[in-house]
C-alpha atoms as a PDB file:
ATOM      1  CA  MET A   1     -21.022 -14.370  -6.888  1.00  0.00           C
ATOM      2  CA  ASN A   2     -21.797 -12.816  -3.531  1.00  0.00           C
ATOM      3  CA  ASN A   3     -18.754 -12.457  -1.321  1.00  0.00           C
ATOM      4  CA  PRO A   4     -18.902 -14.073   2.124  1.00  0.00           C
ATOM      5  CA  VAL A   5     -18.948 -12.206   5.408  1.00  0.00           C
ATOM      6  CA  LEU A   6     -15.314 -12.259   6.524  1.00  0.00           C
ATOM      7  CA  VAL A   7     -15.297  -9.909   9.525  1.00  0.00           C
ATOM      8  CA  GLU A   8     -17.731  -9.356  12.391  1.00  0.00           C
ATOM      9  CA  VAL A   9     -17.834  -6.308  14.671  1.00  0.00           C
ATOM     10  CA  LEU A  10     -18.958  -6.959  18.231  1.00  0.00           C
ATOM     11  CA  ARG A  11     -20.668  -4.626  20.693  1.00  0.00           C
ATOM     12  CA  GLY A  12     -20.370  -6.487  23.963  1.00  0.00           C
ATOM     13  CA  GLU A  13     -20.930 -10.110  22.975  1.00  0.00           C
ATOM     14  CA  ALA A  14     -23.397  -9.356  20.170  1.00  0.00           C
ATOM     15  CA  VAL A  15     -22.556  -8.938  16.495  1.00  0.00           C
ATOM     16  CA  GLU A  16     -23.294  -5.322  15.587  1.00  0.00           C
ATOM     17  CA  SER A  17     -21.894  -5.139  12.032  1.00  0.00           C
ATOM     18  CA  ARG A  18     -20.632  -7.481   9.337  1.00  0.00           C
ATOM     19  CA  HIS A  19     -18.177  -6.908   6.504  1.00  0.00           C
ATOM     20  CA  ALA A  20     -18.164  -9.037   3.357  1.00  0.00           C
ATOM     21  CA  GLY A  21     -15.185  -9.238   1.061  1.00  0.00           C
ATOM     22  CA  ALA A  22     -12.679 -11.311  -0.852  1.00  0.00           C
ATOM     23  CA  VAL A  23      -9.178 -12.532  -0.002  1.00  0.00           C
ATOM     24  CA  VAL A  24      -6.692 -14.330  -2.203  1.00  0.00           C
ATOM     25  CA  ALA A  25      -3.110 -15.513  -1.803  1.00  0.00           C
ATOM     26  CA  VAL A  26      -1.091 -16.969  -4.676  1.00  0.00           C
ATOM     27  CA  ASP A  27       2.469 -17.987  -5.468  1.00  0.00           C
ATOM     28  CA  ALA A  28       4.533 -16.465  -8.273  1.00  0.00           C
ATOM     29  CA  ASP A  29       3.080 -18.940 -10.777  1.00  0.00           C
ATOM     30  CA  GLY A  30      -0.466 -17.967  -9.848  1.00  0.00           C
ATOM     31  CA  ARG A  31      -1.287 -21.093  -7.843  1.00  0.00           C
ATOM     32  CA  LYS A  32      -3.860 -20.220  -5.201  1.00  0.00           C
ATOM     33  CA  VAL A  33      -3.049 -21.119  -1.614  1.00  0.00           C
ATOM     34  CA  LEU A  34      -6.046 -19.227  -0.198  1.00  0.00           C
ATOM     35  CA  ALA A  35      -9.154 -17.956  -1.968  1.00  0.00           C
ATOM     36  CA  LEU A  36     -12.285 -16.559  -0.315  1.00  0.00           C
ATOM     37  CA  GLY A  37     -15.010 -14.862  -2.312  1.00  0.00           C
ATOM     38  CA  ASP A  38     -14.965 -13.651  -5.904  1.00  0.00           C
ATOM     39  CA  VAL A  39     -11.252 -13.270  -6.541  1.00  0.00           C
ATOM     40  CA  LYS A  40     -11.751 -12.664 -10.272  1.00  0.00           C
ATOM     41  CA  ARG A  41     -13.668  -9.414  -9.796  1.00  0.00           C
ATOM     42  CA  ARG A  42     -11.722  -6.345 -10.874  1.00  0.00           C
ATOM     43  CA  VAL A  43     -10.863  -3.835  -8.152  1.00  0.00           C
ATOM     44  CA  PHE A  44      -9.008  -0.546  -8.130  1.00  0.00           C
ATOM     45  CA  PRO A  45      -5.873  -1.196  -6.062  1.00  0.00           C
ATOM     46  CA  ARG A  46      -5.406   2.503  -5.346  1.00  0.00           C
ATOM     47  CA  SER A  47      -2.447   3.194  -3.042  1.00  0.00           C
ATOM     48  CA  ALA A  48      -1.794  -0.496  -2.366  1.00  0.00           C
ATOM     49  CA  ILE A  49       0.410  -0.627  -5.490  1.00  0.00           C
ATOM     50  CA  LYS A  50       2.688   2.318  -4.707  1.00  0.00           C
ATOM     51  CA  ALA A  51       5.696  -0.017  -4.491  1.00  0.00           C
ATOM     52  CA  ILE A  52       4.874  -1.310  -7.980  1.00  0.00           C
ATOM     53  CA  GLN A  53       4.517   2.267  -9.209  1.00  0.00           C
ATOM     54  CA  ALA A  54       7.989   2.933  -7.780  1.00  0.00           C
ATOM     55  CA  LEU A  55       9.683   0.091  -9.672  1.00  0.00           C
ATOM     56  CA  PRO A  56      10.448   2.195 -12.794  1.00  0.00           C
ATOM     57  CA  LEU A  57      11.978   4.858 -10.531  1.00  0.00           C
ATOM     58  CA  VAL A  58      14.561   2.368  -9.262  1.00  0.00           C
ATOM     59  CA  GLU A  59      15.147   0.073 -12.229  1.00  0.00           C
ATOM     60  CA  SER A  60      15.656   3.012 -14.590  1.00  0.00           C
ATOM     61  CA  GLY A  61      18.515   4.335 -12.457  1.00  0.00           C
ATOM     62  CA  ALA A  62      16.635   7.583 -11.718  1.00  0.00           C
ATOM     63  CA  ALA A  63      16.673   7.044  -7.948  1.00  0.00           C
ATOM     64  CA  ASP A  64      20.435   6.580  -7.936  1.00  0.00           C
ATOM     65  CA  ARG A  65      21.000   9.480 -10.311  1.00  0.00           C
ATOM     66  CA  TYR A  66      19.367  11.846  -7.818  1.00  0.00           C
ATOM     67  CA  GLY A  67      20.804  10.241  -4.706  1.00  0.00           C
ATOM     68  CA  PHE A  68      17.632   8.672  -3.305  1.00  0.00           C
ATOM     69  CA  GLY A  69      18.501   6.346  -0.416  1.00  0.00           C
ATOM     70  CA  PRO A  70      16.321   3.910   1.557  1.00  0.00           C
ATOM     71  CA  GLU A  71      14.320   6.623   3.320  1.00  0.00           C
ATOM     72  CA  GLU A  72      13.446   8.311   0.034  1.00  0.00           C
ATOM     73  CA  LEU A  73      12.534   4.967  -1.536  1.00  0.00           C
ATOM     74  CA  ALA A  74      10.264   4.127   1.405  1.00  0.00           C
ATOM     75  CA  LEU A  75       8.543   7.520   1.022  1.00  0.00           C
ATOM     76  CA  ALA A  76       8.081   6.838  -2.706  1.00  0.00           C
ATOM     77  CA  CYS A  77       6.048   3.763  -1.667  1.00  0.00           C
ATOM     78  CA  ALA A  78       4.227   5.510   1.181  1.00  0.00           C
ATOM     79  CA  SER A  79       0.780   6.665   2.172  1.00  0.00           C
ATOM     80  CA  HIS A  80       2.363   8.722   4.909  1.00  0.00           C
ATOM     81  CA  SER A  81       0.641  10.555   7.752  1.00  0.00           C
ATOM     82  CA  GLY A  82       2.134  13.981   7.092  1.00  0.00           C
ATOM     83  CA  GLU A  83       4.237  13.992  10.251  1.00  0.00           C
ATOM     84  CA  PRO A  84       7.226  16.368  10.285  1.00  0.00           C
ATOM     85  CA  GLY A  85       9.681  13.548   9.541  1.00  0.00           C
ATOM     86  CA  HIS A  86       7.678  12.534   6.474  1.00  0.00           C
ATOM     87  CA  VAL A  87       7.514  16.104   5.202  1.00  0.00           C
ATOM     88  CA  ALA A  88      11.266  16.551   5.687  1.00  0.00           C
ATOM     89  CA  VAL A  89      12.079  13.559   3.470  1.00  0.00           C
ATOM     90  CA  VAL A  90       9.669  14.677   0.734  1.00  0.00           C
ATOM     91  CA  GLU A  91      11.205  18.154   0.789  1.00  0.00           C
ATOM     92  CA  ARG A  92      14.633  16.557   0.529  1.00  0.00           C
ATOM     93  CA  MET A  93      13.507  14.549  -2.491  1.00  0.00           C
ATOM     94  CA  LEU A  94      12.244  17.682  -4.220  1.00  0.00           C
ATOM     95  CA  ALA A  95      15.421  19.586  -3.382  1.00  0.00           C
ATOM     96  CA  ARG A  96      17.483  16.866  -5.071  1.00  0.00           C
ATOM     97  CA  LEU A  97      15.481  17.607  -8.221  1.00  0.00           C
ATOM     98  CA  SER A  98      15.851  21.397  -7.819  1.00  0.00           C
ATOM     99  CA  LEU A  99      12.049  21.619  -7.536  1.00  0.00           C
ATOM    100  CA  ASP A 100       9.719  23.005  -4.910  1.00  0.00           C
ATOM    101  CA  GLU A 101       6.381  21.660  -3.746  1.00  0.00           C
ATOM    102  CA  GLY A 102       4.610  23.600  -6.487  1.00  0.00           C
ATOM    103  CA  ALA A 103       5.705  20.789  -8.801  1.00  0.00           C
ATOM    104  CA  LEU A 104       3.545  18.291  -6.892  1.00  0.00           C
ATOM    105  CA  LYS A 105       0.183  17.541  -8.540  1.00  0.00           C
ATOM    106  CA  CYS A 106      -1.227  15.408  -5.703  1.00  0.00           C
ATOM    107  CA  GLY A 107      -3.383  18.117  -4.131  1.00  0.00           C
ATOM    108  CA  VAL A 108      -3.456  19.482  -0.597  1.00  0.00           C
ATOM    109  CA  HIS A 109      -4.794  18.018   2.635  1.00  0.00           C
ATOM    110  CA  TRP A 110      -3.978  18.340   6.328  1.00  0.00           C
ATOM    111  CA  PRO A 111      -1.716  15.724   7.921  1.00  0.00           C
ATOM    112  CA  ILE A 112      -3.507  12.456   8.647  1.00  0.00           C
ATOM    113  CA  HIS A 113      -1.649  12.321  11.966  1.00  0.00           C
ATOM    114  CA  GLN A 114      -3.934  14.306  14.274  1.00  0.00           C
ATOM    115  CA  ALA A 115      -1.226  15.625  16.592  1.00  0.00           C
ATOM    116  CA  SER A 116       0.808  16.858  13.623  1.00  0.00           C
ATOM    117  CA  ALA A 117      -2.236  18.584  12.127  1.00  0.00           C
ATOM    118  CA  GLN A 118      -3.019  20.231  15.469  1.00  0.00           C
ATOM    119  CA  ALA A 119       0.589  21.389  15.920  1.00  0.00           C
ATOM    120  CA  LEU A 120       0.639  22.801  12.399  1.00  0.00           C
ATOM    121  CA  ALA A 121      -2.593  24.735  12.959  1.00  0.00           C
ATOM    122  CA  HIS A 122      -1.478  25.942  16.403  1.00  0.00           C
ATOM    123  CA  ALA A 123       1.710  27.332  14.844  1.00  0.00           C
ATOM    124  CA  GLY A 124      -0.373  29.216  12.277  1.00  0.00           C
ATOM    125  CA  GLY A 125       0.605  26.934   9.429  1.00  0.00           C
ATOM    126  CA  MET A 126      -1.552  25.719   6.575  1.00  0.00           C
ATOM    127  CA  ALA A 127      -1.950  22.369   4.867  1.00  0.00           C
ATOM    128  CA  ARG A 128       0.399  22.020   1.909  1.00  0.00           C
ATOM    129  CA  ALA A 129       0.982  19.536  -0.888  1.00  0.00           C
ATOM    130  CA  VAL A 130       3.914  17.983   1.017  1.00  0.00           C
ATOM    131  CA  HIS A 131       1.428  16.929   3.731  1.00  0.00           C
ATOM    132  CA  ASN A 132      -0.555  14.918   1.198  1.00  0.00           C
ATOM    133  CA  ASN A 133      -0.141  11.201   1.958  1.00  0.00           C
ATOM    134  CA  CYS A 134       0.869  10.622  -1.683  1.00  0.00           C
ATOM    135  CA  SER A 135       3.510  13.361  -1.896  1.00  0.00           C
ATOM    136  CA  GLY A 136       6.397  10.883  -1.644  1.00  0.00           C
ATOM    137  CA  LYS A 137       5.066   8.869  -4.549  1.00  0.00           C
ATOM    138  CA  HIS A 138       4.648  12.050  -6.580  1.00  0.00           C
ATOM    139  CA  ALA A 139       8.198  13.141  -5.756  1.00  0.00           C
ATOM    140  CA  GLY A 140       9.277   9.738  -7.107  1.00  0.00           C
ATOM    141  CA  PHE A 141       7.291  10.314 -10.303  1.00  0.00           C
ATOM    142  CA  LEU A 142       8.925  13.727 -10.714  1.00  0.00           C
ATOM    143  CA  CYS A 143      12.346  12.141 -10.242  1.00  0.00           C
ATOM    144  CA  LEU A 144      11.640   9.619 -12.990  1.00  0.00           C
ATOM    145  CA  ALA A 145      10.267  12.319 -15.293  1.00  0.00           C
ATOM    146  CA  CYS A 146      13.374  14.475 -14.832  1.00  0.00           C
ATOM    147  CA  SER A 147      15.655  11.497 -15.362  1.00  0.00           C
ATOM    148  CA  ILE A 148      14.088  10.510 -18.677  1.00  0.00           C
ATOM    149  CA  ASP A 149      13.701  14.128 -19.858  1.00  0.00           C
ATOM    150  CA  ALA A 150       9.912  13.947 -19.858  1.00  0.00           C
ATOM    151  CA  ASP A 151       7.813  17.042 -19.109  1.00  0.00           C
ATOM    152  CA  PRO A 152       7.552  17.148 -15.280  1.00  0.00           C
ATOM    153  CA  THR A 153       4.455  19.358 -15.410  1.00  0.00           C
ATOM    154  CA  ARG A 154       2.300  16.627 -16.989  1.00  0.00           C
ATOM    155  CA  TYR A 155       3.452  13.544 -15.086  1.00  0.00           C
ATOM    156  CA  VAL A 156      -0.053  12.680 -13.816  1.00  0.00           C
ATOM    157  CA  GLN A 157      -1.523  12.287 -17.320  1.00  0.00           C
ATOM    158  CA  PRO A 158      -2.173   8.692 -18.519  1.00  0.00           C
ATOM    159  CA  SER A 159      -0.322   9.426 -21.774  1.00  0.00           C
ATOM    160  CA  HIS A 160       2.794  10.701 -19.991  1.00  0.00           C
ATOM    161  CA  PRO A 161       5.890   8.474 -20.294  1.00  0.00           C
ATOM    162  CA  VAL A 162       6.029   8.019 -16.504  1.00  0.00           C
ATOM    163  CA  GLN A 163       2.475   6.696 -16.323  1.00  0.00           C
ATOM    164  CA  ARG A 164       2.985   4.534 -19.401  1.00  0.00           C
ATOM    165  CA  LEU A 165       5.978   2.927 -17.674  1.00  0.00           C
ATOM    166  CA  VAL A 166       3.900   2.332 -14.548  1.00  0.00           C
ATOM    167  CA  ARG A 167       1.045   0.819 -16.547  1.00  0.00           C
ATOM    168  CA  ASP A 168       3.366  -1.457 -18.510  1.00  0.00           C
ATOM    169  CA  THR A 169       5.038  -2.634 -15.287  1.00  0.00           C
ATOM    170  CA  LEU A 170       1.701  -3.441 -13.664  1.00  0.00           C
ATOM    171  CA  GLU A 171       0.429  -5.209 -16.762  1.00  0.00           C
ATOM    172  CA  VAL A 172       3.549  -7.396 -17.044  1.00  0.00           C
ATOM    173  CA  LEU A 173       3.663  -8.368 -13.358  1.00  0.00           C
ATOM    174  CA  SER A 174      -0.078  -8.993 -13.009  1.00  0.00           C
ATOM    175  CA  GLY A 175      -0.579 -10.780 -16.305  1.00  0.00           C
ATOM    176  CA  ALA A 176      -3.824  -8.807 -16.655  1.00  0.00           C
ATOM    177  CA  SER A 177      -4.786  -6.614 -19.590  1.00  0.00           C
ATOM    178  CA  LEU A 178      -5.290  -2.961 -18.679  1.00  0.00           C
ATOM    179  CA  PRO A 179      -7.279  -1.366 -21.504  1.00  0.00           C
ATOM    180  CA  PRO A 180      -8.395   2.291 -21.295  1.00  0.00           C
ATOM    181  CA  GLU A 181     -11.881   1.336 -20.112  1.00  0.00           C
ATOM    182  CA  VAL A 182     -10.511   0.048 -16.775  1.00  0.00           C
ATOM    183  CA  CYS A 183      -8.545   3.248 -16.144  1.00  0.00           C
ATOM    184  CA  ALA A 184      -9.846   5.892 -13.726  1.00  0.00           C
ATOM    185  CA  VAL A 185      -8.404   8.766 -11.706  1.00  0.00           C
ATOM    186  CA  ASP A 186      -6.988   8.121  -8.241  1.00  0.00           C
ATOM    187  CA  GLY A 187      -7.437  10.436  -5.272  1.00  0.00           C
ATOM    188  CA  CYS A 188      -4.051  12.034  -5.962  1.00  0.00           C
ATOM    189  CA  SER A 189      -4.888  12.567  -9.666  1.00  0.00           C
ATOM    190  CA  VAL A 190      -2.696   9.840 -11.208  1.00  0.00           C
ATOM    191  CA  PRO A 191      -4.249   6.991 -13.221  1.00  0.00           C
ATOM    192  CA  THR A 192      -5.491   3.903 -11.403  1.00  0.00           C
ATOM    193  CA  TRP A 193      -6.283   0.665 -13.262  1.00  0.00           C
ATOM    194  CA  ALA A 194      -8.786  -1.948 -12.129  1.00  0.00           C
ATOM    195  CA  LEU A 195      -7.528  -5.525 -12.282  1.00  0.00           C
ATOM    196  CA  PRO A 196      -8.732  -8.898 -10.969  1.00  0.00           C
ATOM    197  CA  LEU A 197      -8.000  -9.428  -7.283  1.00  0.00           C
ATOM    198  CA  ASP A 198      -6.055 -12.630  -7.976  1.00  0.00           C
ATOM    199  CA  ALA A 199      -3.924 -10.775 -10.546  1.00  0.00           C
ATOM    200  CA  LEU A 200      -3.180  -8.176  -7.878  1.00  0.00           C
ATOM    201  CA  ALA A 201      -2.032 -10.948  -5.531  1.00  0.00           C
ATOM    202  CA  LEU A 202       0.126 -12.387  -8.330  1.00  0.00           C
ATOM    203  CA  THR A 203       1.761  -8.986  -8.763  1.00  0.00           C
ATOM    204  CA  PHE A 204       2.844  -9.059  -5.131  1.00  0.00           C
ATOM    205  CA  ALA A 205       3.975 -12.677  -5.255  1.00  0.00           C
ATOM    206  CA  ARG A 206       6.344 -11.656  -8.044  1.00  0.00           C
ATOM    207  CA  PHE A 207       7.312  -8.493  -6.152  1.00  0.00           C
ATOM    208  CA  ALA A 208       8.129 -10.750  -3.182  1.00  0.00           C
ATOM    209  CA  THR A 209      10.317 -13.149  -5.144  1.00  0.00           C
ATOM    210  CA  GLY A 210      11.589 -11.432  -8.277  1.00  0.00           C
ATOM    211  CA  ALA A 211      10.083 -14.289 -10.283  1.00  0.00           C
ATOM    212  CA  ARG A 212       9.307 -13.576 -13.952  1.00  0.00           C
ATOM    213  CA  MET A 213      11.356 -10.366 -13.717  1.00  0.00           C
ATOM    214  CA  LEU A 214      14.463  -9.263 -15.549  1.00  0.00           C
ATOM    215  CA  PRO A 215      17.456  -8.906 -13.206  1.00  0.00           C
ATOM    216  CA  GLU A 216      17.222  -5.088 -13.077  1.00  0.00           C
ATOM    217  CA  ARG A 217      13.571  -5.213 -12.016  1.00  0.00           C
ATOM    218  CA  ALA A 218      14.122  -8.024  -9.513  1.00  0.00           C
ATOM    219  CA  HIS A 219      16.927  -6.002  -7.931  1.00  0.00           C
ATOM    220  CA  ALA A 220      14.700  -2.923  -7.836  1.00  0.00           C
ATOM    221  CA  ALA A 221      11.936  -4.903  -6.114  1.00  0.00           C
ATOM    222  CA  ALA A 222      14.377  -6.190  -3.507  1.00  0.00           C
ATOM    223  CA  ARG A 223      15.645  -2.654  -2.835  1.00  0.00           C
ATOM    224  CA  LEU A 224      12.128  -1.311  -2.378  1.00  0.00           C
ATOM    225  CA  ARG A 225      11.130  -4.162  -0.059  1.00  0.00           C
ATOM    226  CA  GLU A 226      14.263  -3.618   2.006  1.00  0.00           C
ATOM    227  CA  ALA A 227      13.696   0.126   2.193  1.00  0.00           C
ATOM    228  CA  CYS A 228      10.083  -0.242   3.313  1.00  0.00           C
ATOM    229  CA  THR A 229      10.663  -3.008   5.847  1.00  0.00           C
ATOM    230  CA  THR A 230      13.729  -1.254   7.273  1.00  0.00           C
ATOM    231  CA  TRP A 231      11.950   2.110   7.502  1.00  0.00           C
ATOM    232  CA  PRO A 232       8.294   1.092   8.086  1.00  0.00           C
ATOM    233  CA  TRP A 233       7.400   4.365   9.820  1.00  0.00           C
ATOM    234  CA  HIS A 234       8.162   6.144   6.550  1.00  0.00           C
ATOM    235  CA  VAL A 235       5.589   3.978   4.727  1.00  0.00           C
ATOM    236  CA  ALA A 236       2.669   5.023   6.944  1.00  0.00           C
ATOM    237  CA  GLY A 237       3.357   6.595  10.335  1.00  0.00           C
ATOM    238  CA  THR A 238       2.710   6.598  14.045  1.00  0.00           C
ATOM    239  CA  GLY A 239       0.032   4.118  15.099  1.00  0.00           C
ATOM    240  CA  ARG A 240      -0.673   2.978  11.545  1.00  0.00           C
ATOM    241  CA  PHE A 241      -1.414  -0.668  10.737  1.00  0.00           C
ATOM    242  CA  CYS A 242       1.180  -1.006   7.937  1.00  0.00           C
ATOM    243  CA  THR A 243       3.928   0.447  10.102  1.00  0.00           C
ATOM    244  CA  ASP A 244       3.062  -1.581  13.194  1.00  0.00           C
ATOM    245  CA  VAL A 245       2.810  -4.947  11.430  1.00  0.00           C
ATOM    246  CA  MET A 246       5.932  -4.457   9.309  1.00  0.00           C
ATOM    247  CA  THR A 247       7.814  -3.401  12.434  1.00  0.00           C
ATOM    248  CA  LEU A 248       6.912  -6.766  13.977  1.00  0.00           C
ATOM    249  CA  PHE A 249       7.912  -8.879  10.995  1.00  0.00           C
ATOM    250  CA  GLY A 250      10.766  -6.935   9.419  1.00  0.00           C
ATOM    251  CA  ALA A 251      12.049  -8.255   6.098  1.00  0.00           C
ATOM    252  CA  ARG A 252       9.632 -11.202   6.255  1.00  0.00           C
ATOM    253  CA  LEU A 253       6.647  -9.031   5.285  1.00  0.00           C
ATOM    254  CA  PHE A 254       5.893  -6.102   3.012  1.00  0.00           C
ATOM    255  CA  LEU A 255       2.420  -4.668   3.595  1.00  0.00           C
ATOM    256  CA  LYS A 256       0.582  -1.754   2.009  1.00  0.00           C
ATOM    257  CA  THR A 257      -2.875  -0.276   2.337  1.00  0.00           C
ATOM    258  CA  GLY A 258      -5.004   1.153  -0.428  1.00  0.00           C
ATOM    259  CA  ALA A 259      -8.171   3.229  -0.268  1.00  0.00           C
ATOM    260  CA  GLU A 260     -11.645   1.672  -0.202  1.00  0.00           C
ATOM    261  CA  GLY A 261     -10.737  -1.437   1.763  1.00  0.00           C
ATOM    262  CA  VAL A 262      -7.821  -2.789  -0.276  1.00  0.00           C
ATOM    263  CA  TYR A 263      -4.669  -4.319   1.173  1.00  0.00           C
ATOM    264  CA  CYS A 264      -1.740  -6.071  -0.468  1.00  0.00           C
ATOM    265  CA  ALA A 265       1.115  -8.021   1.081  1.00  0.00           C
ATOM    266  CA  ALA A 266       4.275  -9.799  -0.050  1.00  0.00           C
ATOM    267  CA  LEU A 267       5.839 -12.702   1.860  1.00  0.00           C
ATOM    268  CA  PRO A 268       9.326 -13.313   0.417  1.00  0.00           C
ATOM    269  CA  GLU A 269      10.075 -16.390   2.560  1.00  0.00           C
ATOM    270  CA  LEU A 270       6.912 -18.143   1.396  1.00  0.00           C
ATOM    271  CA  GLY A 271       6.960 -16.683  -2.122  1.00  0.00           C
ATOM    272  CA  ILE A 272       3.354 -15.580  -1.705  1.00  0.00           C
ATOM    273  CA  GLY A 273       1.389 -12.431  -2.540  1.00  0.00           C
ATOM    274  CA  ILE A 274      -1.889 -11.477  -0.854  1.00  0.00           C
ATOM    275  CA  ALA A 275      -4.681  -9.166  -1.990  1.00  0.00           C
ATOM    276  CA  VAL A 276      -7.742  -8.206   0.040  1.00  0.00           C
ATOM    277  CA  LYS A 277     -10.853  -6.183  -0.747  1.00  0.00           C
ATOM    278  CA  SER A 278     -13.555  -5.253   1.756  1.00  0.00           C
ATOM    279  CA  ASP A 279     -16.775  -4.847  -0.214  1.00  0.00           C
ATOM    280  CA  ASP A 280     -17.939  -1.782   1.689  1.00  0.00           C
ATOM    281  CA  GLY A 281     -14.562  -0.083   1.497  1.00  0.00           C
ATOM    282  CA  ALA A 282     -13.971  -0.243   5.250  1.00  0.00           C
ATOM    283  CA  GLY A 283     -10.278  -0.061   6.100  1.00  0.00           C
ATOM    284  CA  ARG A 284     -10.843  -1.524   9.560  1.00  0.00           C
ATOM    285  CA  ALA A 285     -12.324  -4.661   8.020  1.00  0.00           C
ATOM    286  CA  ALA A 286      -9.562  -4.976   5.431  1.00  0.00           C
ATOM    287  CA  GLU A 287      -6.971  -4.828   8.213  1.00  0.00           C
ATOM    288  CA  VAL A 288      -8.592  -7.764  10.018  1.00  0.00           C
ATOM    289  CA  MET A 289      -8.904  -9.667   6.733  1.00  0.00           C
ATOM    290  CA  VAL A 290      -5.218  -9.315   5.857  1.00  0.00           C
ATOM    291  CA  ALA A 291      -4.142 -10.089   9.432  1.00  0.00           C
ATOM    292  CA  ALA A 292      -6.303 -13.236   9.457  1.00  0.00           C
ATOM    293  CA  ALA A 293      -4.886 -14.285   6.071  1.00  0.00           C
ATOM    294  CA  LEU A 294      -1.347 -13.811   7.379  1.00  0.00           C
ATOM    295  CA  ASP A 295      -2.158 -15.822  10.491  1.00  0.00           C
ATOM    296  CA  ARG A 296      -3.477 -18.708   8.425  1.00  0.00           C
ATOM    297  CA  LEU A 297      -0.577 -18.690   5.960  1.00  0.00           C
ATOM    298  CA  LEU A 298       2.225 -18.327   8.512  1.00  0.00           C
ATOM    299  CA  ASN A 299       0.552 -20.947  10.716  1.00  0.00           C
ATOM    300  CA  ASN A 300       2.766 -20.979  13.792  1.00  0.00           C
ATOM    301  CA  ASP A 301       2.251 -20.090  17.441  1.00  0.00           C
ATOM    302  CA  VAL A 302       4.846 -17.297  17.618  1.00  0.00           C
ATOM    303  CA  ASP A 303       3.481 -15.395  14.627  1.00  0.00           C
ATOM    304  CA  SER A 304      -0.110 -16.013  15.736  1.00  0.00           C
ATOM    305  CA  ALA A 305       0.632 -14.431  19.093  1.00  0.00           C
ATOM    306  CA  ALA A 306       2.192 -11.395  17.388  1.00  0.00           C
ATOM    307  CA  LEU A 307      -0.784 -11.052  15.040  1.00  0.00           C
ATOM    308  CA  GLU A 308      -3.503 -11.558  17.670  1.00  0.00           C
ATOM    309  CA  PRO A 309      -4.037  -7.816  18.407  1.00  0.00           C
ATOM    310  CA  PHE A 310      -4.558  -7.239  14.685  1.00  0.00           C
ATOM    311  CA  VAL A 311      -6.649 -10.349  14.001  1.00  0.00           C
ATOM    312  CA  ARG A 312      -8.982  -9.567  16.907  1.00  0.00           C
ATOM    313  CA  PRO A 313      -8.602  -5.867  17.690  1.00  0.00           C
ATOM    314  CA  ILE A 314     -10.486  -4.474  20.661  1.00  0.00           C
ATOM    315  CA  ILE A 315     -12.729  -1.420  20.421  1.00  0.00           C
ATOM    316  CA  ARG A 316     -12.719   1.248  23.134  1.00  0.00           C
ATOM    317  CA  ASN A 317     -14.997   4.241  23.602  1.00  0.00           C
ATOM    318  CA  TRP A 318     -13.801   7.805  24.209  1.00  0.00           C
ATOM    319  CA  ASN A 319     -13.316   7.032  27.913  1.00  0.00           C
ATOM    320  CA  GLY A 320     -11.004   4.152  27.091  1.00  0.00           C
ATOM    321  CA  ILE A 321     -13.547   1.531  28.137  1.00  0.00           C
ATOM    322  CA  VAL A 322     -13.536  -1.716  26.147  1.00  0.00           C
ATOM    323  CA  VAL A 323     -16.929  -1.903  24.445  1.00  0.00           C
ATOM    324  CA  GLY A 324     -16.362  -4.629  21.852  1.00  0.00           C
ATOM    325  CA  GLY A 325     -14.024  -5.840  19.205  1.00  0.00           C
ATOM    326  CA  MET A 326     -13.609  -7.324  15.756  1.00  0.00           C
ATOM    327  CA  ARG A 327     -12.966 -10.874  14.616  1.00  0.00           C
ATOM    328  CA  PRO A 328     -12.589 -12.891  11.423  1.00  0.00           C
ATOM    329  CA  THR A 329     -15.353 -15.340  10.627  1.00  0.00           C
ATOM    330  CA  GLU A 330     -15.144 -19.114  10.294  1.00  0.00           C
ATOM    331  CA  ALA A 331     -14.445 -18.617   6.574  1.00  0.00           C
ATOM    332  CA  PHE A 332     -10.738 -18.204   7.409  1.00  0.00           C
ATOM    333  CA  LYS A 333     -10.445 -21.611   9.031  1.00  0.00           C
ATOM    334  CA  PRO A 334      -8.847 -24.305   6.836  1.00  0.00           C
END
């Protein structure tokens, strides 16, 4: 099945580029309320499932054992921009474990936030592992490893108890089998498992509601949602789509990006989970897709007005002149 074109990019009034993809929204029983494209195709969710990867951290009691509060929990779910405030929380997480950043296995890159990267370079600093957008998640993995007395030096290995807990959690919530042949290595060196897009949406419907979860896991999901929606800047950063949209909607919406054009969302009030995949991996297209899906599902004038800048973002050139924009296609109309 070829996926439909879901987003158009305009230069002036003419369509310059098109992005195909798939979008699906389901309730906690798997009933589809929106389905566009091949929603059965397996995709790697990448960083979109960081909140799911953080569930064992909370439900095991590890987060409480080491004094992780809402800011630390939000960073455990984050793809942060490496701004000083992000780095400070990650360093605090490591200090609670009596570890330094040498324990992080996520790799090194400069802050995503350009001003922070420039300030760091101007001060003579160098990129470090704590600047990696996944360092909060890795600090969470280290916390869980220390709490269960598992070797913290091997926590990225698929056979490690931490990663087995993460895999089991994802398999239970998604209802999808995750055999070794659908396992690959993520950008930060932890395992990533490909699963059907509709199963990914189901995962987030259950994350939104606590349905089909034991009480400890449901409580952990609620804590993580609250942490992320209360501290949305910690989840991404200045000027980032996840942060900006969650800031608008608060506890009504959990939203998380993943690499290669994946987005996931949880709508607790509606009991719905959303999963999006842009075929070409374009994040800009995935943002419009998830915003258009939210607009259709929420279906009211107030929320539509709030979402309009994200559903139809404008494009400016380096002089700040409006040169075009992006828009969802007719496929999103009921």
